[in-house]
């Protein structure tokens, strides 16, 4: 099923807990969609997802994971998650 821009998704990040101590749950919104396959089934489609709602505990775990990835790969993310007020 293709996800259109502005589609809201319930997400589980790292469901097998391979990077995080436990899976992180959040609500995300599709903000970018690139590519489609020749068969029209969506294989090869890339999505940009903006996290729009996340529990504070999960937010701390997710930001910690991002920090570790930045250090490991020598990159810096341009858009950190900003909690809604």
PDB file of N, CA and C in Angstrom:
ATOM      1  N   UNK A   1       0.851  -1.175   0.000  1.00  0.00           N
ATOM      2  CA  UNK A   1       0.000   0.000   0.000  1.00  0.00           C
ATOM      3  C   UNK A   1       0.893   1.234   0.000  1.00  0.00           C
ATOM      4  N   UNK A   2       0.721   2.130  -0.953  1.00  0.00           N
ATOM      5  CA  UNK A   2       1.534   3.346  -0.961  1.00  0.00           C
ATOM      6  C   UNK A   2       1.046   4.328   0.098  1.00  0.00           C
ATOM      7  N   UNK A   3       1.975   4.983   0.736  1.00  0.00           N
ATOM      8  CA  UNK A   3       1.631   5.992   1.730  1.00  0.00           C
ATOM      9  C   UNK A   3       1.776   7.354   1.094  1.00  0.00           C
ATOM     10  N   UNK A   4       0.712   8.135   1.108  1.00  0.00           N
ATOM     11  CA  UNK A   4       0.729   9.471   0.546  1.00  0.00           C
ATOM     12  C   UNK A   4       1.269  10.478   1.556  1.00  0.00           C
ATOM     13  N   UNK A   5       1.670  11.643   1.065  1.00  0.00           N
ATOM     14  CA  UNK A   5       2.111  12.726   1.939  1.00  0.00           C
ATOM     15  C   UNK A   5       0.985  13.021   2.936  1.00  0.00           C
ATOM     16  N   UNK A   6       1.357  13.291   4.175  1.00  0.00           N
ATOM     17  CA  UNK A   6       0.464  13.612   5.300  1.00  0.00           C
ATOM     18  C   UNK A   6      -0.255  12.401   5.892  1.00  0.00           C
ATOM     19  N   UNK A   7       0.062  11.179   5.434  1.00  0.00           N
ATOM     20  CA  UNK A   7      -0.498   9.985   6.056  1.00  0.00           C
ATOM     21  C   UNK A   7       0.080   9.849   7.460  1.00  0.00           C
ATOM     22  N   UNK A   8      -0.774   9.616   8.461  1.00  0.00           N
ATOM     23  CA  UNK A   8      -0.318   9.397   9.830  1.00  0.00           C
ATOM     24  C   UNK A   8      -0.078   7.906  10.042  1.00  0.00           C
ATOM     25  N   UNK A   9       1.031   7.584  10.703  1.00  0.00           N
ATOM     26  CA  UNK A   9       1.420   6.193  10.928  1.00  0.00           C
ATOM     27  C   UNK A   9       1.737   5.959  12.390  1.00  0.00           C
ATOM     28  N   UNK A  10       1.316   4.831  12.922  1.00  0.00           N
ATOM     29  CA  UNK A  10       1.782   4.389  14.233  1.00  0.00           C
ATOM     30  C   UNK A  10       3.045   3.593  13.973  1.00  0.00           C
ATOM     31  N   UNK A  11       4.156   4.008  14.584  1.00  0.00           N
ATOM     32  CA  UNK A  11       5.449   3.398  14.301  1.00  0.00           C
ATOM     33  C   UNK A  11       6.023   2.696  15.518  1.00  0.00           C
ATOM     34  N   UNK A  12       6.728   1.615  15.273  1.00  0.00           N
ATOM     35  CA  UNK A  12       7.567   0.976  16.280  1.00  0.00           C
ATOM     36  C   UNK A  12       8.975   0.977  15.713  1.00  0.00           C
ATOM     37  N   UNK A  13       9.855   1.718  16.359  1.00  0.00           N
ATOM     38  CA  UNK A  13      11.239   1.824  15.908  1.00  0.00           C
ATOM     39  C   UNK A  13      12.059   0.760  16.615  1.00  0.00           C
ATOM     40  N   UNK A  14      12.830   0.011  15.842  1.00  0.00           N
ATOM     41  CA  UNK A  14      13.689  -1.063  16.347  1.00  0.00           C
ATOM     42  C   UNK A  14      12.876  -2.130  17.092  1.00  0.00           C
ATOM     43  N   UNK A  15      11.922  -2.773  16.415  1.00  0.00           N
ATOM     44  CA  UNK A  15      11.065  -3.754  17.091  1.00  0.00           C
ATOM     45  C   UNK A  15      11.810  -4.945  17.688  1.00  0.00           C
ATOM     46  N   UNK A  16      12.993  -5.306  17.138  1.00  0.00           N
ATOM     47  CA  UNK A  16      13.760  -6.427  17.689  1.00  0.00           C
ATOM     48  C   UNK A  16      14.745  -5.987  18.771  1.00  0.00           C
ATOM     49  N   UNK A  17      14.750  -4.700  19.098  1.00  0.00           N
ATOM     50  CA  UNK A  17      15.648  -4.139  20.118  1.00  0.00           C
ATOM     51  C   UNK A  17      17.113  -4.410  19.792  1.00  0.00           C
ATOM     52  N   UNK A  18      17.492  -4.248  18.527  1.00  0.00           N
ATOM     53  CA  UNK A  18      18.882  -4.472  18.142  1.00  0.00           C
ATOM     54  C   UNK A  18      19.764  -3.252  18.412  1.00  0.00           C
ATOM     55  N   UNK A  19      19.185  -2.062  18.438  1.00  0.00           N
ATOM     56  CA  UNK A  19      19.953  -0.849  18.732  1.00  0.00           C
ATOM     57  C   UNK A  19      19.533  -0.211  20.045  1.00  0.00           C
ATOM     58  N   UNK A  20      18.279  -0.353  20.382  1.00  0.00           N
ATOM     59  CA  UNK A  20      17.727   0.250  21.597  1.00  0.00           C
ATOM     60  C   UNK A  20      17.457  -0.831  22.628  1.00  0.00           C
ATOM     61  N   UNK A  21      17.381  -0.424  23.895  1.00  0.00           N
ATOM     62  CA  UNK A  21      17.082  -1.387  24.956  1.00  0.00           C
ATOM     63  C   UNK A  21      15.694  -1.988  24.800  1.00  0.00           C
ATOM     64  N   UNK A  22      14.768  -1.171  24.293  1.00  0.00           N
ATOM     65  CA  UNK A  22      13.408  -1.637  24.036  1.00  0.00           C
ATOM     66  C   UNK A  22      12.878  -0.874  22.835  1.00  0.00           C
ATOM     67  N   UNK A  23      11.884  -1.424  22.141  1.00  0.00           N
ATOM     68  CA  UNK A  23      11.319  -0.714  20.999  1.00  0.00           C
ATOM     69  C   UNK A  23      10.740   0.637  21.412  1.00  0.00           C
ATOM     70  N   UNK A  24      10.798   1.587  20.502  1.00  0.00           N
ATOM     71  CA  UNK A  24      10.269   2.927  20.729  1.00  0.00           C
ATOM     72  C   UNK A  24       8.990   3.070  19.902  1.00  0.00           C
ATOM     73  N   UNK A  25       7.915   3.496  20.546  1.00  0.00           N
ATOM     74  CA  UNK A  25       6.643   3.706  19.861  1.00  0.00           C
ATOM     75  C   UNK A  25       6.400   5.195  19.686  1.00  0.00           C
ATOM     76  N   UNK A  26       5.848   5.559  18.532  1.00  0.00           N
ATOM     77  CA  UNK A  26       5.562   6.969  18.271  1.00  0.00           C
ATOM     78  C   UNK A  26       4.527   7.086  17.159  1.00  0.00           C
ATOM     79  N   UNK A  27       4.096   8.311  16.930  1.00  0.00           N
ATOM     80  CA  UNK A  27       3.198   8.633  15.832  1.00  0.00           C
ATOM     81  C   UNK A  27       3.994   9.463  14.843  1.00  0.00           C
ATOM     82  N   UNK A  28       3.952   9.084  13.582  1.00  0.00           N
ATOM     83  CA  UNK A  28       4.708   9.791  12.561  1.00  0.00           C
ATOM     84  C   UNK A  28       3.824  10.212  11.406  1.00  0.00           C
ATOM     85  N   UNK A  29       4.323  11.165  10.632  1.00  0.00           N
ATOM     86  CA  UNK A  29       3.598  11.663   9.466  1.00  0.00           C
ATOM     87  C   UNK A  29       4.521  11.586   8.258  1.00  0.00           C
ATOM     88  N   UNK A  30       4.016  11.066   7.144  1.00  0.00           N
ATOM     89  CA  UNK A  30       4.791  11.010   5.907  1.00  0.00           C
ATOM     90  C   UNK A  30       4.941  12.436   5.384  1.00  0.00           C
ATOM     91  N   UNK A  31       6.195  12.873   5.244  1.00  0.00           N
ATOM     92  CA  UNK A  31       6.455  14.233   4.748  1.00  0.00           C
ATOM     93  C   UNK A  31       7.141  14.231   3.388  1.00  0.00           C
ATOM     94  N   UNK A  32       7.643  13.064   2.957  1.00  0.00           N
ATOM     95  CA  UNK A  32       8.296  12.960   1.649  1.00  0.00           C
ATOM     96  C   UNK A  32       8.142  11.540   1.134  1.00  0.00           C
ATOM     97  N   UNK A  33       7.941  11.416  -0.166  1.00  0.00           N
ATOM     98  CA  UNK A  33       7.836  10.112  -0.804  1.00  0.00           C
ATOM     99  C   UNK A  33       8.595  10.172  -2.113  1.00  0.00           C
ATOM    100  N   UNK A  34       9.545   9.252  -2.277  1.00  0.00           N
ATOM    101  CA  UNK A  34      10.390   9.248  -3.470  1.00  0.00           C
ATOM    102  C   UNK A  34      10.423   7.866  -4.085  1.00  0.00           C
ATOM    103  N   UNK A  35      10.318   7.831  -5.405  1.00  0.00           N
ATOM    104  CA  UNK A  35      10.496   6.591  -6.142  1.00  0.00           C
ATOM    105  C   UNK A  35       9.300   5.679  -6.120  1.00  0.00           C
ATOM    106  N   UNK A  36       9.186   4.906  -7.160  1.00  0.00           N
ATOM    107  CA  UNK A  36       8.193   3.837  -7.257  1.00  0.00           C
ATOM    108  C   UNK A  36       8.804   2.739  -8.112  1.00  0.00           C
ATOM    109  N   UNK A  37       8.273   1.575  -8.011  1.00  0.00           N
ATOM    110  CA  UNK A  37       8.800   0.465  -8.803  1.00  0.00           C
ATOM    111  C   UNK A  37       8.032   0.333 -10.106  1.00  0.00           C
ATOM    112  N   UNK A  38       8.611  -0.384 -11.030  1.00  0.00           N
ATOM    113  CA  UNK A  38       7.954  -0.616 -12.319  1.00  0.00           C
ATOM    114  C   UNK A  38       6.681  -1.433 -12.150  1.00  0.00           C
ATOM    115  N   UNK A  39       6.642  -2.307 -11.124  1.00  0.00           N
ATOM    116  CA  UNK A  39       5.456  -3.144 -10.928  1.00  0.00           C
ATOM    117  C   UNK A  39       4.352  -2.424 -10.153  1.00  0.00           C
ATOM    118  N   UNK A  40       4.646  -1.205  -9.689  1.00  0.00           N
ATOM    119  CA  UNK A  40       3.640  -0.413  -8.993  1.00  0.00           C
ATOM    120  C   UNK A  40       3.315  -0.877  -7.594  1.00  0.00           C
ATOM    121  N   UNK A  41       4.103  -1.802  -7.052  1.00  0.00           N
ATOM    122  CA  UNK A  41       3.832  -2.326  -5.716  1.00  0.00           C
ATOM    123  C   UNK A  41       4.577  -1.574  -4.624  1.00  0.00           C
ATOM    124  N   UNK A  42       5.301  -0.532  -4.973  1.00  0.00           N
ATOM    125  CA  UNK A  42       5.944   0.285  -3.962  1.00  0.00           C
ATOM    126  C   UNK A  42       7.341  -0.152  -3.571  1.00  0.00           C
ATOM    127  N   UNK A  43       7.862  -1.238  -4.154  1.00  0.00           N
ATOM    128  CA  UNK A  43       9.213  -1.673  -3.829  1.00  0.00           C
ATOM    129  C   UNK A  43      10.181  -0.611  -4.330  1.00  0.00           C
ATOM    130  N   UNK A  44      11.109  -0.215  -3.502  1.00  0.00           N
ATOM    131  CA  UNK A  44      12.059   0.823  -3.887  1.00  0.00           C
ATOM    132  C   UNK A  44      11.586   2.214  -3.516  1.00  0.00           C
ATOM    133  N   UNK A  45      10.388   2.342  -3.000  1.00  0.00           N
ATOM    134  CA  UNK A  45       9.888   3.631  -2.562  1.00  0.00           C
ATOM    135  C   UNK A  45      10.521   3.995  -1.232  1.00  0.00           C
ATOM    136  N   UNK A  46      10.980   5.241  -1.126  1.00  0.00           N
ATOM    137  CA  UNK A  46      11.557   5.727   0.126  1.00  0.00           C
ATOM    138  C   UNK A  46      10.634   6.789   0.702  1.00  0.00           C
ATOM    139  N   UNK A  47      10.464   6.748   2.031  1.00  0.00           N
ATOM    140  CA  UNK A  47       9.591   7.689   2.713  1.00  0.00           C
ATOM    141  C   UNK A  47      10.389   8.529   3.698  1.00  0.00           C
ATOM    142  N   UNK A  48      10.022   9.791   3.815  1.00  0.00           N
ATOM    143  CA  UNK A  48      10.524  10.648   4.879  1.00  0.00           C
ATOM    144  C   UNK A  48       9.427  10.749   5.925  1.00  0.00           C
ATOM    145  N   UNK A  49       9.748  10.386   7.151  1.00  0.00           N
ATOM    146  CA  UNK A  49       8.757  10.373   8.225  1.00  0.00           C
ATOM    147  C   UNK A  49       9.163  11.382   9.290  1.00  0.00           C
ATOM    148  N   UNK A  50       8.227  12.232   9.672  1.00  0.00           N
ATOM    149  CA  UNK A  50       8.441  13.183  10.761  1.00  0.00           C
ATOM    150  C   UNK A  50       7.736  12.642  11.990  1.00  0.00           C
ATOM    151  N   UNK A  51       8.458  12.517  13.088  1.00  0.00           N
ATOM    152  CA  UNK A  51       7.839  12.067  14.331  1.00  0.00           C
ATOM    153  C   UNK A  51       7.049  13.244  14.892  1.00  0.00           C
ATOM    154  N   UNK A  52       5.751  13.025  15.105  1.00  0.00           N
ATOM    155  CA  UNK A  52       4.893  14.112  15.575  1.00  0.00           C
ATOM    156  C   UNK A  52       4.430  13.927  17.018  1.00  0.00           C
ATOM    157  N   UNK A  53       4.529  12.705  17.538  1.00  0.00           N
ATOM    158  CA  UNK A  53       4.162  12.465  18.928  1.00  0.00           C
ATOM    159  C   UNK A  53       4.980  11.291  19.442  1.00  0.00           C
ATOM    160  N   UNK A  54       5.620  11.510  20.610  1.00  0.00           N
ATOM    161  CA  UNK A  54       6.441  10.450  21.206  1.00  0.00           C
ATOM    162  C   UNK A  54       6.485  10.679  22.711  1.00  0.00           C
ATOM    163  N   UNK A  55       6.413   9.601  23.464  1.00  0.00           N
ATOM    164  CA  UNK A  55       6.496   9.661  24.918  1.00  0.00           C
ATOM    165  C   UNK A  55       7.884  10.155  25.328  1.00  0.00           C
ATOM    166  N   UNK A  56       7.973  10.925  26.421  1.00  0.00           N
ATOM    167  CA  UNK A  56       9.260  11.486  26.857  1.00  0.00           C
ATOM    168  C   UNK A  56      10.317  10.423  27.117  1.00  0.00           C
ATOM    169  N   UNK A  57       9.931   9.281  27.674  1.00  0.00           N
ATOM    170  CA  UNK A  57      10.888   8.200  27.915  1.00  0.00           C
ATOM    171  C   UNK A  57      11.427   7.663  26.587  1.00  0.00           C
ATOM    172  N   UNK A  58      10.527   7.449  25.640  1.00  0.00           N
ATOM    173  CA  UNK A  58      10.946   6.964  24.328  1.00  0.00           C
ATOM    174  C   UNK A  58      11.766   8.019  23.587  1.00  0.00           C
ATOM    175  N   UNK A  59      11.420   9.295  23.787  1.00  0.00           N
ATOM    176  CA  UNK A  59      12.171  10.380  23.150  1.00  0.00           C
ATOM    177  C   UNK A  59      13.620  10.373  23.625  1.00  0.00           C
ATOM    178  N   UNK A  60      13.826  10.209  24.931  1.00  0.00           N
ATOM    179  CA  UNK A  60      15.186  10.176  25.470  1.00  0.00           C
ATOM    180  C   UNK A  60      15.964   8.999  24.893  1.00  0.00           C
ATOM    181  N   UNK A  61      15.335   7.834  24.796  1.00  0.00           N
ATOM    182  CA  UNK A  61      16.002   6.656  24.241  1.00  0.00           C
ATOM    183  C   UNK A  61      16.332   6.867  22.763  1.00  0.00           C
ATOM    184  N   UNK A  62      15.411   7.439  22.000  1.00  0.00           N
ATOM    185  CA  UNK A  62      15.613   7.664  20.571  1.00  0.00           C
ATOM    186  C   UNK A  62      16.733   8.673  20.336  1.00  0.00           C
ATOM    187  N   UNK A  63      16.735   9.783  21.081  1.00  0.00           N
ATOM    188  CA  UNK A  63      17.794  10.782  20.918  1.00  0.00           C
ATOM    189  C   UNK A  63      19.156  10.213  21.316  1.00  0.00           C
ATOM    190  N   UNK A  64      19.183   9.344  22.345  1.00  0.00           N
ATOM    191  CA  UNK A  64      20.430   8.692  22.731  1.00  0.00           C
ATOM    192  C   UNK A  64      20.945   7.799  21.614  1.00  0.00           C
ATOM    193  N   UNK A  65      20.048   7.088  20.958  1.00  0.00           N
ATOM    194  CA  UNK A  65      20.417   6.227  19.832  1.00  0.00           C
ATOM    195  C   UNK A  65      20.969   7.066  18.681  1.00  0.00           C
ATOM    196  N   UNK A  66      20.313   8.193  18.379  1.00  0.00           N
ATOM    197  CA  UNK A  66      20.794   9.078  17.312  1.00  0.00           C
ATOM    198  C   UNK A  66      22.191   9.606  17.623  1.00  0.00           C
ATOM    199  N   UNK A  67      22.420   9.972  18.867  1.00  0.00           N
ATOM    200  CA  UNK A  67      23.734  10.470  19.272  1.00  0.00           C
ATOM    201  C   UNK A  67      24.805   9.405  19.069  1.00  0.00           C
ATOM    202  N   UNK A  68      24.499   8.160  19.434  1.00  0.00           N
ATOM    203  CA  UNK A  68      25.449   7.066  19.239  1.00  0.00           C
ATOM    204  C   UNK A  68      25.745   6.845  17.762  1.00  0.00           C
ATOM    205  N   UNK A  69      24.711   6.907  16.929  1.00  0.00           N
ATOM    206  CA  UNK A  69      24.914   6.733  15.486  1.00  0.00           C
ATOM    207  C   UNK A  69      25.743   7.870  14.900  1.00  0.00           C
ATOM    208  N   UNK A  70      25.491   9.091  15.362  1.00  0.00           N
ATOM    209  CA  UNK A  70      26.280  10.238  14.893  1.00  0.00           C
ATOM    210  C   UNK A  70      27.755  10.033  15.199  1.00  0.00           C
ATOM    211  N   UNK A  71      28.048   9.599  16.417  1.00  0.00           N
ATOM    212  CA  UNK A  71      29.446   9.373  16.813  1.00  0.00           C
ATOM    213  C   UNK A  71      30.066   8.233  16.017  1.00  0.00           C
ATOM    214  N   UNK A  72      29.325   7.142  15.866  1.00  0.00           N
ATOM    215  CA  UNK A  72      29.849   5.964  15.186  1.00  0.00           C
ATOM    216  C   UNK A  72      30.178   6.251  13.724  1.00  0.00           C
ATOM    217  N   UNK A  73      29.321   7.003  13.054  1.00  0.00           N
ATOM    218  CA  UNK A  73      29.500   7.238  11.628  1.00  0.00           C
ATOM    219  C   UNK A  73      30.027   8.627  11.297  1.00  0.00           C
ATOM    220  N   UNK A  74      30.312   9.433  12.323  1.00  0.00           N
ATOM    221  CA  UNK A  74      30.881  10.755  12.101  1.00  0.00           C
ATOM    222  C   UNK A  74      29.956  11.706  11.363  1.00  0.00           C
ATOM    223  N   UNK A  75      28.663  11.600  11.639  1.00  0.00           N
ATOM    224  CA  UNK A  75      27.697  12.488  10.994  1.00  0.00           C
ATOM    225  C   UNK A  75      26.930  13.259  12.061  1.00  0.00           C
ATOM    226  N   UNK A  76      26.277  14.288  11.624  1.00  0.00           N
ATOM    227  CA  UNK A  76      25.430  15.051  12.530  1.00  0.00           C
ATOM    228  C   UNK A  76      24.088  15.257  11.857  1.00  0.00           C
ATOM    229  N   UNK A  77      23.018  14.931  12.570  1.00  0.00           N
ATOM    230  CA  UNK A  77      21.689  15.112  12.003  1.00  0.00           C
ATOM    231  C   UNK A  77      21.352  16.589  12.001  1.00  0.00           C
ATOM    232  N   UNK A  78      20.658  17.025  10.971  1.00  0.00           N
ATOM    233  CA  UNK A  78      20.319  18.442  10.848  1.00  0.00           C
ATOM    234  C   UNK A  78      19.061  18.805  11.617  1.00  0.00           C
ATOM    235  N   UNK A  79      18.167  17.842  11.811  1.00  0.00           N
ATOM    236  CA  UNK A  79      16.902  18.129  12.489  1.00  0.00           C
ATOM    237  C   UNK A  79      16.710  17.200  13.673  1.00  0.00           C
ATOM    238  N   UNK A  80      17.014  17.672  14.851  1.00  0.00           N
ATOM    239  CA  UNK A  80      16.752  16.910  16.059  1.00  0.00           C
ATOM    240  C   UNK A  80      15.256  16.953  16.350  1.00  0.00           C
ATOM    241  N   UNK A  81      14.788  16.020  17.116  1.00  0.00           N
ATOM    242  CA  UNK A  81      13.381  15.994  17.499  1.00  0.00           C
ATOM    243  C   UNK A  81      13.162  17.075  18.560  1.00  0.00           C
ATOM    244  N   UNK A  82      12.141  17.878  18.364  1.00  0.00           N
ATOM    245  CA  UNK A  82      11.793  18.914  19.326  1.00  0.00           C
ATOM    246  C   UNK A  82      10.454  18.553  19.923  1.00  0.00           C
ATOM    247  N   UNK A  83      10.417  18.337  21.267  1.00  0.00           N
ATOM    248  CA  UNK A  83       9.143  17.961  21.893  1.00  0.00           C
ATOM    249  C   UNK A  83       8.107  19.065  21.725  1.00  0.00           C
ATOM    250  N   UNK A  84       6.868  18.664  21.505  1.00  0.00           N
ATOM    251  CA  UNK A  84       5.784  19.636  21.411  1.00  0.00           C
ATOM    252  C   UNK A  84       5.480  20.206  22.789  1.00  0.00           C
ATOM    253  N   UNK A  85       5.164  21.486  22.844  1.00  0.00           N
ATOM    254  CA  UNK A  85       4.855  22.092  24.148  1.00  0.00           C
ATOM    255  C   UNK A  85       3.394  22.035  24.445  1.00  0.00           C
TER     256      UNK A  85
END
